[in-house]
Structure formats: C-alpha cells, structure tokens
Amino acid sequence: MKFAIGAHLRTAATGAMLAMPAISYAMTATDIMKSSDDMYRKAFTTAVIKVKLSTCRYVVAHGGMNCKESPRVTVLEVGEKKWGADKKDSRAISLVLQPVTDKGIGMLTYEYADSDRENDVLLYLPALEKVRRVVSGGDGNEDGGSFFGTEFFVDDTQLKKVDDYTYTLIGDDVQDGRPVWVVESTPTEKRARKTQYGKSRLWVDKERKLILREDIYNRAGKMYRQRLNKDFALIDNVWIARQQTMNNLSTNRITLIQNLSAAYNKDVPDELMSERSLTDFTFKEKILATLRSHYK
C-alpha cells in the first residue's frame, strides 16, 4: 500500500456536508468553527456507510510512504441517526464485517452536542458476550483509545464540541486547490484534562465548510499527528470524503479509511441504534439488508 506524503476522517460522517454558498462577510475564528459544526450536524438525518480501514507502519522513500508490513485491514458497516429535538445529537453503530476473527465486534455511540454532557460509548466483544462502556477521554486514556486498532482515537471519530475549544484565525491558504481558512483550536482548561491534544490547526473550506486538513500537536507543542480528508464525492446531496488518513508522525504508522459505499437520509429505524443490535445478529442483519439496497 502506498500513500502520498501529506495525505490527511471522522467515520460515518467524517467529511460529509451539504453544499452551501460562501459567506461573504468577515468571520471570526469562532464564527468559522460554529458554521462548520452547524453544517456537519445538519448535513443529513441518517447515514449508512461501508468503510475499509487499513493500518500499517511505513517508511518514507522517493517522495512517498510505503508500508513496510502487510496492512491490518478491517471492514466496518456504520449506521448513524441524528437525535433530539434539534437533531444536533446523534447515535451511531459500527459493526465489524472483516476480518472473520473479529466479526461481530461492535461499538455503539451516543454523541451529545452539549459540552457539559459526556458522550457514551459502548463496546461489544462476542468472545466475552459482554457489552462494556468505554470512557471517552481522560488523563492517560488516549482520547477514548484506538478506534478498532487504527491510528484514529475514538474521539477522532466524533464531532468536536465547539464550546470545548477556543479559536484563533491564523489566515487564508489553499488546500487541494480549495480556498481555506486556517484556524488554530486550543482546548479549554476543562477539555485539556481529557485530551492528549495540546492544540490543532484546521484547514476549513471557505465554500463548503468542510475540514480538509488537521495538524495535531501534543501537550509539549510538537506536531505528532496529521489528518487529511480527500477525494470528495456528492452522494444523496451530501459531501463525503472517500479517503481519509491519520498519520502518526511519532510512530510512523498510518491509517487509511476508504468509504466504499454510502446512503444518506433513508428510513433508518431507531432500533438499529440499540444494544440489541450489538448482540443480536439476526435482528440487525434484517434491518441492514434493507438499507444496503440504497448504497452508492
């Protein structure tokens, strides 16, 4: 597997957004991030996506990255549904399809826009026949732990809560041929106790409000991770990044997430986003079999 140097997910909707006209008036850094957050949360009401996650240790040679080992490949099916009166909260379920040895492992996430309310993450391990709660964030917790053995943390797959950060507008730039704002994001004192990140720099598309790139710094101020969203496609009137990467510069490990198939704004039953779907294969398969007919 080869990667281009400089290549950058949020799963499910990590890179999904409705097309919107550019805003002409001058925006502050906080305005930009609130606009981006609002657009992500309103881009769709439901989503079902099939994704492939490939992770490997790499070497840099001849201007590119090359895996120095066979990538660890996981295929997931992800369902998400917006929740609550204003549809700013969401519930999502991620189910392992491959490899066969991990099939049946699942993660259920209840995500809240309110910064005073912690997200709930439940993990089901078939071998133990047990659902357990995953603590999202916290000292030494690596931001919820690895997402299915990849270089993404669980928190990386969720929308950041705008009020958990302060923002500074660094300036304008061009990323992948798109005019962008560059915004620096710093966790508040409360959030800083729950994350390994010291700050991030985000490249935000001025027209679509998509986040194209994120450079992530540790608490010592050293950049150690880079996230990129690439190859955007418009599916069911929603922008989706077909390819997303997280490059861990401190370990020379990289994860590529490929969104293989997707469907948005279809009739997804509330019951899919439940603990029963984690543990009852026949129950969830009946629901998913219908939804797969909408894949593009």
C-alpha atoms as a PDB file:
ATOM      1  CA  MET A   1       0.000   0.000   0.000  1.00  0.00           C
ATOM      2  CA  LYS A   2       1.335   3.437  -0.978  1.00  0.00           C
ATOM      3  CA  PHE A   3       0.500   6.861   0.378  1.00  0.00           C
ATOM      4  CA  ALA A   4       1.418  10.309  -0.869  1.00  0.00           C
ATOM      5  CA  ILE A   5       3.259  12.384   1.708  1.00  0.00           C
ATOM      6  CA  GLY A   6       0.987  14.978   3.236  1.00  0.00           C
ATOM      7  CA  ALA A   7      -2.111  12.853   2.772  1.00  0.00           C
ATOM      8  CA  HIS A   8      -4.950  13.582   6.000  1.00  0.00           C
ATOM      9  CA  LEU A   9     -11.721  11.168   8.921  1.00  0.00           C
ATOM     10  CA  ARG A  10     -14.444  11.246  11.229  1.00  0.00           C
ATOM     11  CA  THR A  11     -16.178   7.915  10.491  1.00  0.00           C
ATOM     12  CA  ALA A  12     -19.772   7.785   9.446  1.00  0.00           C
ATOM     13  CA  ALA A  13     -19.967  11.493   8.583  1.00  0.00           C
ATOM     14  CA  THR A  14     -16.329  12.354   8.901  1.00  0.00           C
ATOM     15  CA  GLY A  15     -16.290  14.561   5.887  1.00  0.00           C
ATOM     16  CA  ALA A  16     -19.967  14.706   4.994  1.00  0.00           C
ATOM     17  CA  MET A  17     -21.676  18.044   4.369  1.00  0.00           C
ATOM     18  CA  LEU A  18     -24.270  19.830   2.254  1.00  0.00           C
ATOM     19  CA  ALA A  19     -23.034  22.173  -0.471  1.00  0.00           C
ATOM     20  CA  MET A  20     -23.584  25.795   0.547  1.00  0.00           C
ATOM     21  CA  PRO A  21     -22.631  29.204  -0.864  1.00  0.00           C
ATOM     22  CA  ALA A  22     -19.646  31.041   0.573  1.00  0.00           C
ATOM     23  CA  ILE A  23     -20.382  33.601   3.288  1.00  0.00           C
ATOM     24  CA  SER A  24     -19.124  36.996   2.169  1.00  0.00           C
ATOM     25  CA  TYR A  25     -18.857  38.939   5.429  1.00  0.00           C
ATOM     26  CA  ALA A  26     -15.732  38.783   7.590  1.00  0.00           C
ATOM     27  CA  MET A  27     -15.881  35.868  10.005  1.00  0.00           C
ATOM     28  CA  THR A  28     -14.051  35.373  13.272  1.00  0.00           C
ATOM     29  CA  ALA A  29     -12.351  32.055  14.034  1.00  0.00           C
ATOM     30  CA  THR A  30     -15.230  31.123  16.357  1.00  0.00           C
ATOM     31  CA  ASP A  31     -17.776  32.053  13.650  1.00  0.00           C
ATOM     32  CA  ILE A  32     -15.968  29.774  11.202  1.00  0.00           C
ATOM     33  CA  MET A  33     -15.907  26.785  13.533  1.00  0.00           C
ATOM     34  CA  LYS A  34     -19.529  27.265  14.627  1.00  0.00           C
ATOM     35  CA  SER A  35     -20.560  27.474  10.970  1.00  0.00           C
ATOM     36  CA  SER A  36     -18.610  24.312  10.144  1.00  0.00           C
ATOM     37  CA  ASP A  37     -20.046  22.473  13.155  1.00  0.00           C
ATOM     38  CA  ASP A  38     -23.594  23.548  12.302  1.00  0.00           C
ATOM     39  CA  MET A  39     -23.198  22.369   8.730  1.00  0.00           C
ATOM     40  CA  TYR A  40     -21.818  18.967   9.734  1.00  0.00           C
ATOM     41  CA  ARG A  41     -24.662  18.410  12.179  1.00  0.00           C
ATOM     42  CA  LYS A  42     -27.323  19.437   9.619  1.00  0.00           C
ATOM     43  CA  ALA A  43     -25.817  17.707   6.581  1.00  0.00           C
ATOM     44  CA  PHE A  44     -28.090  14.672   6.914  1.00  0.00           C
ATOM     45  CA  THR A  45     -30.545  12.978   9.264  1.00  0.00           C
ATOM     46  CA  THR A  46     -29.409   9.380   8.718  1.00  0.00           C
ATOM     47  CA  ALA A  47     -26.396   7.640   7.191  1.00  0.00           C
ATOM     48  CA  VAL A  48     -25.312   4.094   6.432  1.00  0.00           C
ATOM     49  CA  ILE A  49     -21.743   3.571   5.226  1.00  0.00           C
ATOM     50  CA  LYS A  50     -19.434   0.654   4.494  1.00  0.00           C
ATOM     51  CA  VAL A  51     -15.810   1.517   5.246  1.00  0.00           C
ATOM     52  CA  LYS A  52     -12.437  -0.161   4.903  1.00  0.00           C
ATOM     53  CA  LEU A  53      -9.699   0.663   7.425  1.00  0.00           C
ATOM     54  CA  SER A  54      -6.080  -0.150   6.522  1.00  0.00           C
ATOM     55  CA  THR A  55      -3.277   0.447   9.033  1.00  0.00           C
ATOM     56  CA  CYS A  56       0.448  -0.140   8.679  1.00  0.00           C
ATOM     57  CA  ARG A  57       3.886   1.023   9.756  1.00  0.00           C
ATOM     58  CA  TYR A  58       5.530   2.896   6.902  1.00  0.00           C
ATOM     59  CA  VAL A  59       8.885   4.085   5.578  1.00  0.00           C
ATOM     60  CA  VAL A  60       9.432   7.288   3.620  1.00  0.00           C
ATOM     61  CA  ALA A  61      11.263   6.864   0.308  1.00  0.00           C
ATOM     62  CA  HIS A  62      11.242   8.551  -3.103  1.00  0.00           C
ATOM     63  CA  GLY A  63       8.758  11.218  -2.027  1.00  0.00           C
ATOM     64  CA  GLY A  64       6.118   8.816  -0.740  1.00  0.00           C
ATOM     65  CA  MET A  65       5.154   6.466   2.071  1.00  0.00           C
ATOM     66  CA  ASN A  66       5.345   2.718   1.645  1.00  0.00           C
ATOM     67  CA  CYS A  67       4.016   0.138   4.064  1.00  0.00           C
ATOM     68  CA  LYS A  68       6.872  -1.941   5.470  1.00  0.00           C
ATOM     69  CA  GLU A  69       4.432  -4.678   6.511  1.00  0.00           C
ATOM     70  CA  SER A  70       1.117  -6.113   5.383  1.00  0.00           C
ATOM     71  CA  PRO A  71      -1.599  -3.621   6.387  1.00  0.00           C
ATOM     72  CA  ARG A  72      -4.049  -4.596   9.099  1.00  0.00           C
ATOM     73  CA  VAL A  73      -7.416  -4.401   7.296  1.00  0.00           C
ATOM     74  CA  THR A  74     -10.827  -4.066   8.940  1.00  0.00           C
ATOM     75  CA  VAL A  75     -14.159  -3.615   7.142  1.00  0.00           C
ATOM     76  CA  LEU A  76     -16.984  -1.948   9.047  1.00  0.00           C
ATOM     77  CA  GLU A  77     -20.607  -1.143   8.443  1.00  0.00           C
ATOM     78  CA  VAL A  78     -21.619   2.095  10.141  1.00  0.00           C
ATOM     79  CA  GLY A  79     -25.100   3.473  10.781  1.00  0.00           C
ATOM     80  CA  GLU A  80     -25.815   6.936  12.184  1.00  0.00           C
ATOM     81  CA  LYS A  81     -29.001   8.798  13.052  1.00  0.00           C
ATOM     82  CA  LYS A  82     -29.461  12.359  14.288  1.00  0.00           C
ATOM     83  CA  TRP A  83     -31.255  12.575  17.612  1.00  0.00           C
ATOM     84  CA  GLY A  84     -33.037  15.070  19.869  1.00  0.00           C
ATOM     85  CA  ALA A  85     -35.411  17.944  19.264  1.00  0.00           C
ATOM     86  CA  ASP A  86     -32.870  19.979  17.271  1.00  0.00           C
ATOM     87  CA  LYS A  87     -31.169  16.907  15.712  1.00  0.00           C
ATOM     88  CA  LYS A  88     -27.747  18.080  16.913  1.00  0.00           C
ATOM     89  CA  ASP A  89     -27.139  14.922  18.934  1.00  0.00           C
ATOM     90  CA  SER A  90     -26.584  11.598  17.205  1.00  0.00           C
ATOM     91  CA  ARG A  91     -26.443   7.858  17.733  1.00  0.00           C
ATOM     92  CA  ALA A  92     -24.128   5.636  15.706  1.00  0.00           C
ATOM     93  CA  ILE A  93     -23.316   1.957  15.500  1.00  0.00           C
ATOM     94  CA  SER A  94     -20.144   0.479  13.986  1.00  0.00           C
ATOM     95  CA  LEU A  95     -20.094  -3.254  13.216  1.00  0.00           C
ATOM     96  CA  VAL A  96     -17.075  -5.328  12.148  1.00  0.00           C
ATOM     97  CA  LEU A  97     -17.596  -7.390   8.978  1.00  0.00           C
ATOM     98  CA  GLN A  98     -13.955  -8.398   8.381  1.00  0.00           C
ATOM     99  CA  PRO A  99     -11.628  -9.985   9.344  1.00  0.00           C
ATOM    100  CA  VAL A 100     -13.611 -13.105  10.202  1.00  0.00           C
ATOM    101  CA  THR A 101     -11.770 -13.395  13.526  1.00  0.00           C
ATOM    102  CA  ASP A 102     -13.226 -10.020  14.612  1.00  0.00           C
ATOM    103  CA  LYS A 103     -16.652 -10.316  13.012  1.00  0.00           C
ATOM    104  CA  GLY A 104     -19.414  -9.383  15.413  1.00  0.00           C
ATOM    105  CA  ILE A 105     -17.433  -6.829  17.391  1.00  0.00           C
ATOM    106  CA  GLY A 106     -19.452  -3.654  17.589  1.00  0.00           C
ATOM    107  CA  MET A 107     -19.427  -0.128  19.003  1.00  0.00           C
ATOM    108  CA  LEU A 108     -22.462   1.981  19.899  1.00  0.00           C
ATOM    109  CA  THR A 109     -22.005   5.724  20.386  1.00  0.00           C
ATOM    110  CA  TYR A 110     -24.396   8.284  21.823  1.00  0.00           C
ATOM    111  CA  GLU A 111     -22.959  11.678  20.891  1.00  0.00           C
ATOM    112  CA  TYR A 112     -24.148  14.914  22.510  1.00  0.00           C
ATOM    113  CA  ALA A 113     -23.596  18.460  21.235  1.00  0.00           C
ATOM    114  CA  ASP A 114     -23.817  19.848  24.793  1.00  0.00           C
ATOM    115  CA  SER A 115     -20.263  20.318  26.085  1.00  0.00           C
ATOM    116  CA  ASP A 116     -21.457  19.639  29.657  1.00  0.00           C
ATOM    117  CA  ARG A 117     -22.588  16.134  28.729  1.00  0.00           C
ATOM    118  CA  GLU A 118     -20.108  13.329  28.087  1.00  0.00           C
ATOM    119  CA  ASN A 119     -20.603  11.104  25.038  1.00  0.00           C
ATOM    120  CA  ASP A 120     -21.476   7.474  25.782  1.00  0.00           C
ATOM    121  CA  VAL A 121     -19.521   4.714  24.011  1.00  0.00           C
ATOM    122  CA  LEU A 122     -20.418   1.017  24.381  1.00  0.00           C
ATOM    123  CA  LEU A 123     -18.251  -1.808  23.021  1.00  0.00           C
ATOM    124  CA  TYR A 124     -19.456  -5.364  22.406  1.00  0.00           C
ATOM    125  CA  LEU A 125     -16.964  -8.253  22.315  1.00  0.00           C
ATOM    126  CA  PRO A 126     -18.605 -11.529  21.153  1.00  0.00           C
ATOM    127  CA  ALA A 127     -15.882 -13.672  22.740  1.00  0.00           C
ATOM    128  CA  LEU A 128     -16.855 -12.306  26.151  1.00  0.00           C
ATOM    129  CA  GLU A 129     -20.561 -11.995  25.318  1.00  0.00           C
ATOM    130  CA  LYS A 130     -20.462  -8.695  27.139  1.00  0.00           C
ATOM    131  CA  VAL A 131     -21.179  -5.032  26.443  1.00  0.00           C
ATOM    132  CA  ARG A 132     -18.875  -2.641  28.276  1.00  0.00           C
ATOM    133  CA  ARG A 133     -18.705   1.136  28.498  1.00  0.00           C
ATOM    134  CA  VAL A 134     -15.655   2.863  27.034  1.00  0.00           C
ATOM    135  CA  VAL A 135     -14.521   6.009  28.824  1.00  0.00           C
ATOM    136  CA  SER A 136     -14.173   8.722  26.185  1.00  0.00           C
ATOM    137  CA  GLY A 137     -11.246  10.973  27.038  1.00  0.00           C
ATOM    138  CA  GLY A 138      -9.380  11.413  30.310  1.00  0.00           C
ATOM    139  CA  ASP A 139      -5.827  11.502  31.584  1.00  0.00           C
ATOM    140  CA  GLY A 140      -3.762   8.697  30.091  1.00  0.00           C
ATOM    141  CA  ASN A 141      -6.772   7.378  28.183  1.00  0.00           C
ATOM    142  CA  GLU A 142      -5.537   8.431  24.733  1.00  0.00           C
ATOM    143  CA  ASP A 143      -8.836  10.146  23.913  1.00  0.00           C
ATOM    144  CA  GLY A 144     -11.033   7.089  24.223  1.00  0.00           C
ATOM    145  CA  GLY A 145      -8.443   4.594  22.994  1.00  0.00           C
ATOM    146  CA  SER A 146      -7.818   3.295  19.499  1.00  0.00           C
ATOM    147  CA  PHE A 147     -10.771   3.013  17.116  1.00  0.00           C
ATOM    148  CA  PHE A 148     -10.706  -0.673  16.105  1.00  0.00           C
ATOM    149  CA  GLY A 149      -6.900  -0.869  16.254  1.00  0.00           C
ATOM    150  CA  THR A 150      -6.308   2.101  13.928  1.00  0.00           C
ATOM    151  CA  GLU A 151      -4.384   5.350  14.362  1.00  0.00           C
ATOM    152  CA  PHE A 152      -7.685   7.150  14.987  1.00  0.00           C
ATOM    153  CA  PHE A 153      -8.772   7.591  18.590  1.00  0.00           C
ATOM    154  CA  VAL A 154     -12.444   7.058  19.415  1.00  0.00           C
ATOM    155  CA  ASP A 155     -12.752  10.818  19.998  1.00  0.00           C
ATOM    156  CA  ASP A 156     -11.351  11.450  16.497  1.00  0.00           C
ATOM    157  CA  THR A 157     -14.405   9.751  15.029  1.00  0.00           C
ATOM    158  CA  GLN A 158     -16.797  12.135  16.791  1.00  0.00           C
ATOM    159  CA  LEU A 159     -17.609  15.775  16.128  1.00  0.00           C
ATOM    160  CA  LYS A 160     -15.681  18.117  18.387  1.00  0.00           C
ATOM    161  CA  LYS A 161     -17.866  20.182  20.731  1.00  0.00           C
ATOM    162  CA  VAL A 162     -17.315  23.802  19.738  1.00  0.00           C
ATOM    163  CA  ASP A 163     -17.525  25.174  23.284  1.00  0.00           C
ATOM    164  CA  ASP A 164     -14.720  22.837  24.408  1.00  0.00           C
ATOM    165  CA  TYR A 165     -12.165  24.928  22.492  1.00  0.00           C
ATOM    166  CA  THR A 166     -11.005  28.479  21.864  1.00  0.00           C
ATOM    167  CA  TYR A 167     -10.088  29.564  18.347  1.00  0.00           C
ATOM    168  CA  THR A 168      -7.623  31.855  16.588  1.00  0.00           C
ATOM    169  CA  LEU A 169      -7.742  32.709  12.891  1.00  0.00           C
ATOM    170  CA  ILE A 170      -4.225  32.165  11.505  1.00  0.00           C
ATOM    171  CA  GLY A 171      -5.004  33.295   7.964  1.00  0.00           C
ATOM    172  CA  ASP A 172      -6.024  32.198   4.458  1.00  0.00           C
ATOM    173  CA  ASP A 173      -4.492  29.384   2.425  1.00  0.00           C
ATOM    174  CA  VAL A 174      -5.183  26.946  -0.393  1.00  0.00           C
ATOM    175  CA  GLN A 175      -5.581  23.211   0.304  1.00  0.00           C
ATOM    176  CA  ASP A 176      -6.070  20.730  -2.535  1.00  0.00           C
ATOM    177  CA  GLY A 177      -6.955  23.620  -4.826  1.00  0.00           C
ATOM    178  CA  ARG A 178      -9.651  24.935  -2.478  1.00  0.00           C
ATOM    179  CA  PRO A 179      -9.545  28.353  -0.722  1.00  0.00           C
ATOM    180  CA  VAL A 180      -9.491  27.731   3.028  1.00  0.00           C
ATOM    181  CA  TRP A 181      -9.258  29.430   6.394  1.00  0.00           C
ATOM    182  CA  VAL A 182      -6.552  28.170   8.737  1.00  0.00           C
ATOM    183  CA  VAL A 183      -7.856  28.128  12.311  1.00  0.00           C
ATOM    184  CA  GLU A 184      -5.951  27.184  15.462  1.00  0.00           C
ATOM    185  CA  SER A 185      -8.013  25.302  18.044  1.00  0.00           C
ATOM    186  CA  THR A 186      -6.940  25.091  21.700  1.00  0.00           C
ATOM    187  CA  PRO A 187      -8.805  23.019  24.308  1.00  0.00           C
ATOM    188  CA  THR A 188     -10.334  24.857  27.235  1.00  0.00           C
ATOM    189  CA  GLU A 189      -8.952  24.114  30.690  1.00  0.00           C
ATOM    190  CA  LYS A 190     -11.783  21.648  31.289  1.00  0.00           C
ATOM    191  CA  ARG A 191     -11.278  19.860  27.970  1.00  0.00           C
ATOM    192  CA  ALA A 192      -7.485  19.844  28.327  1.00  0.00           C
ATOM    193  CA  ARG A 193      -7.805  17.441  31.261  1.00  0.00           C
ATOM    194  CA  LYS A 194      -9.495  14.919  28.941  1.00  0.00           C
ATOM    195  CA  THR A 195      -7.335  15.003  25.814  1.00  0.00           C
ATOM    196  CA  GLN A 196      -3.764  14.294  24.760  1.00  0.00           C
ATOM    197  CA  TYR A 197      -4.006  17.099  22.193  1.00  0.00           C
ATOM    198  CA  GLY A 198      -2.380  20.426  23.048  1.00  0.00           C
ATOM    199  CA  LYS A 199      -3.776  22.243  20.009  1.00  0.00           C
ATOM    200  CA  SER A 200      -4.799  21.666  16.403  1.00  0.00           C
ATOM    201  CA  ARG A 201      -4.610  23.645  13.192  1.00  0.00           C
ATOM    202  CA  LEU A 202      -7.554  23.156  10.848  1.00  0.00           C
ATOM    203  CA  TRP A 203      -7.853  23.950   7.148  1.00  0.00           C
ATOM    204  CA  VAL A 204     -11.560  24.776   6.594  1.00  0.00           C
ATOM    205  CA  ASP A 205     -13.003  25.022   3.070  1.00  0.00           C
ATOM    206  CA  LYS A 206     -14.444  28.540   2.713  1.00  0.00           C
ATOM    207  CA  GLU A 207     -17.335  27.474   0.458  1.00  0.00           C
ATOM    208  CA  ARG A 208     -18.363  24.055   1.743  1.00  0.00           C
ATOM    209  CA  LYS A 209     -17.174  24.459   5.374  1.00  0.00           C
ATOM    210  CA  LEU A 210     -15.531  21.026   5.124  1.00  0.00           C
ATOM    211  CA  ILE A 211     -12.410  20.371   7.191  1.00  0.00           C
ATOM    212  CA  LEU A 212      -9.785  19.300   4.656  1.00  0.00           C
ATOM    213  CA  ARG A 213      -6.780  19.000   6.939  1.00  0.00           C
ATOM    214  CA  GLU A 214      -5.906  18.935  10.632  1.00  0.00           C
ATOM    215  CA  ASP A 215      -2.404  19.176  12.091  1.00  0.00           C
ATOM    216  CA  ILE A 216      -2.466  17.917  15.677  1.00  0.00           C
ATOM    217  CA  TYR A 217       0.032  18.925  18.360  1.00  0.00           C
ATOM    218  CA  ASN A 218       0.728  17.213  21.666  1.00  0.00           C
ATOM    219  CA  ARG A 219       0.819  18.931  25.050  1.00  0.00           C
ATOM    220  CA  ALA A 220       4.508  19.765  24.542  1.00  0.00           C
ATOM    221  CA  GLY A 221       3.629  21.725  21.400  1.00  0.00           C
ATOM    222  CA  LYS A 222       5.088  19.216  18.932  1.00  0.00           C
ATOM    223  CA  MET A 223       3.101  18.189  15.868  1.00  0.00           C
ATOM    224  CA  TYR A 224       2.681  14.429  16.039  1.00  0.00           C
ATOM    225  CA  ARG A 225      -0.422  13.553  14.009  1.00  0.00           C
ATOM    226  CA  GLN A 226      -1.886  14.734  10.712  1.00  0.00           C
ATOM    227  CA  ARG A 227      -5.377  14.070   9.442  1.00  0.00           C
ATOM    228  CA  LEU A 228      -6.481  14.618   5.831  1.00  0.00           C
ATOM    229  CA  ASN A 229      -9.819  14.284   4.033  1.00  0.00           C
ATOM    230  CA  LYS A 230      -9.549  13.602   0.280  1.00  0.00           C
ATOM    231  CA  ASP A 231     -11.465  12.585  -2.846  1.00  0.00           C
ATOM    232  CA  PHE A 232     -14.805  14.229  -2.076  1.00  0.00           C
ATOM    233  CA  ALA A 233     -17.973  12.984  -3.752  1.00  0.00           C
ATOM    234  CA  LEU A 234     -21.569  14.238  -3.600  1.00  0.00           C
ATOM    235  CA  ILE A 235     -23.857  11.376  -2.582  1.00  0.00           C
ATOM    236  CA  ASP A 236     -27.560  11.944  -1.886  1.00  0.00           C
ATOM    237  CA  ASN A 237     -26.728  15.678  -1.837  1.00  0.00           C
ATOM    238  CA  VAL A 238     -24.158  15.150   0.921  1.00  0.00           C
ATOM    239  CA  TRP A 239     -20.404  15.668   0.523  1.00  0.00           C
ATOM    240  CA  ILE A 240     -18.365  12.673   1.652  1.00  0.00           C
ATOM    241  CA  ALA A 241     -14.601  12.188   1.745  1.00  0.00           C
ATOM    242  CA  ARG A 242     -13.972   8.875   0.019  1.00  0.00           C
ATOM    243  CA  GLN A 243     -10.468   8.716   1.504  1.00  0.00           C
ATOM    244  CA  GLN A 244      -9.353   9.843   4.945  1.00  0.00           C
ATOM    245  CA  THR A 245      -5.999   9.302   6.618  1.00  0.00           C
ATOM    246  CA  MET A 246      -4.448   9.712  10.053  1.00  0.00           C
ATOM    247  CA  ASN A 247      -0.658   9.812  10.026  1.00  0.00           C
ATOM    248  CA  ASN A 248       1.038   9.279  13.389  1.00  0.00           C
ATOM    249  CA  LEU A 249       4.359  11.060  12.888  1.00  0.00           C
ATOM    250  CA  SER A 250       5.764   9.849  16.210  1.00  0.00           C
ATOM    251  CA  THR A 251       5.332   6.130  15.405  1.00  0.00           C
ATOM    252  CA  ASN A 252       5.406   6.182  11.573  1.00  0.00           C
ATOM    253  CA  ARG A 253       2.049   4.436  11.479  1.00  0.00           C
ATOM    254  CA  ILE A 254      -0.784   5.498   9.206  1.00  0.00           C
ATOM    255  CA  THR A 255      -4.435   4.550   8.797  1.00  0.00           C
ATOM    256  CA  LEU A 256      -6.317   4.944   5.528  1.00  0.00           C
ATOM    257  CA  ILE A 257     -10.101   4.896   5.706  1.00  0.00           C
ATOM    258  CA  GLN A 258     -11.914   4.298   2.428  1.00  0.00           C
ATOM    259  CA  ASN A 259     -15.647   4.964   2.315  1.00  0.00           C
ATOM    260  CA  LEU A 260     -16.686   2.167  -0.048  1.00  0.00           C
ATOM    261  CA  SER A 261     -20.465   2.665  -0.148  1.00  0.00           C
ATOM    262  CA  ALA A 262     -22.852   5.166   1.395  1.00  0.00           C
ATOM    263  CA  ALA A 263     -26.515   6.153   1.639  1.00  0.00           C
ATOM    264  CA  TYR A 264     -27.996   9.217   3.343  1.00  0.00           C
ATOM    265  CA  ASN A 265     -31.413  10.350   4.553  1.00  0.00           C
ATOM    266  CA  LYS A 266     -33.031   6.932   4.269  1.00  0.00           C
ATOM    267  CA  ASP A 267     -35.526   5.440   6.739  1.00  0.00           C
ATOM    268  CA  VAL A 268     -33.254   4.055   9.471  1.00  0.00           C
ATOM    269  CA  PRO A 269     -35.196   2.546  12.421  1.00  0.00           C
ATOM    270  CA  ASP A 270     -34.319   3.782  15.894  1.00  0.00           C
ATOM    271  CA  GLU A 271     -33.883   0.138  16.925  1.00  0.00           C
ATOM    272  CA  LEU A 272     -30.685  -0.163  14.880  1.00  0.00           C
ATOM    273  CA  MET A 273     -29.004   2.239  17.334  1.00  0.00           C
ATOM    274  CA  SER A 274     -29.519  -0.036  20.347  1.00  0.00           C
ATOM    275  CA  GLU A 275     -27.641  -2.542  22.485  1.00  0.00           C
ATOM    276  CA  ARG A 276     -29.795  -5.272  20.943  1.00  0.00           C
ATOM    277  CA  SER A 277     -28.183  -4.541  17.574  1.00  0.00           C
ATOM    278  CA  LEU A 278     -24.774  -5.130  19.141  1.00  0.00           C
ATOM    279  CA  THR A 279     -25.674  -8.570  20.459  1.00  0.00           C
ATOM    280  CA  ASP A 280     -28.405  -9.908  18.139  1.00  0.00           C
ATOM    281  CA  PHE A 281     -27.005 -10.717  14.668  1.00  0.00           C
ATOM    282  CA  THR A 282     -30.320 -11.732  13.076  1.00  0.00           C
ATOM    283  CA  PHE A 283     -32.062  -8.600  14.359  1.00  0.00           C
ATOM    284  CA  LYS A 284     -29.530  -6.114  12.990  1.00  0.00           C
ATOM    285  CA  GLU A 285     -28.935  -8.034   9.746  1.00  0.00           C
ATOM    286  CA  LYS A 286     -32.622  -7.825   8.849  1.00  0.00           C
ATOM    287  CA  ILE A 287     -32.509  -4.029   9.155  1.00  0.00           C
ATOM    288  CA  LEU A 288     -29.176  -3.626   7.343  1.00  0.00           C
ATOM    289  CA  ALA A 289     -30.179  -5.885   4.448  1.00  0.00           C
ATOM    290  CA  THR A 290     -32.893  -3.383   3.520  1.00  0.00           C
ATOM    291  CA  LEU A 291     -30.635  -0.347   3.896  1.00  0.00           C
ATOM    292  CA  ARG A 292     -27.853  -1.807   1.703  1.00  0.00           C
ATOM    293  CA  SER A 293     -30.115  -1.547  -1.346  1.00  0.00           C
ATOM    294  CA  HIS A 294     -29.597   2.236  -1.205  1.00  0.00           C
ATOM    295  CA  TYR A 295     -25.786   2.120  -1.313  1.00  0.00           C
ATOM    296  CA  LYS A 296     -23.973   4.258  -3.888  1.00  0.00           C
END
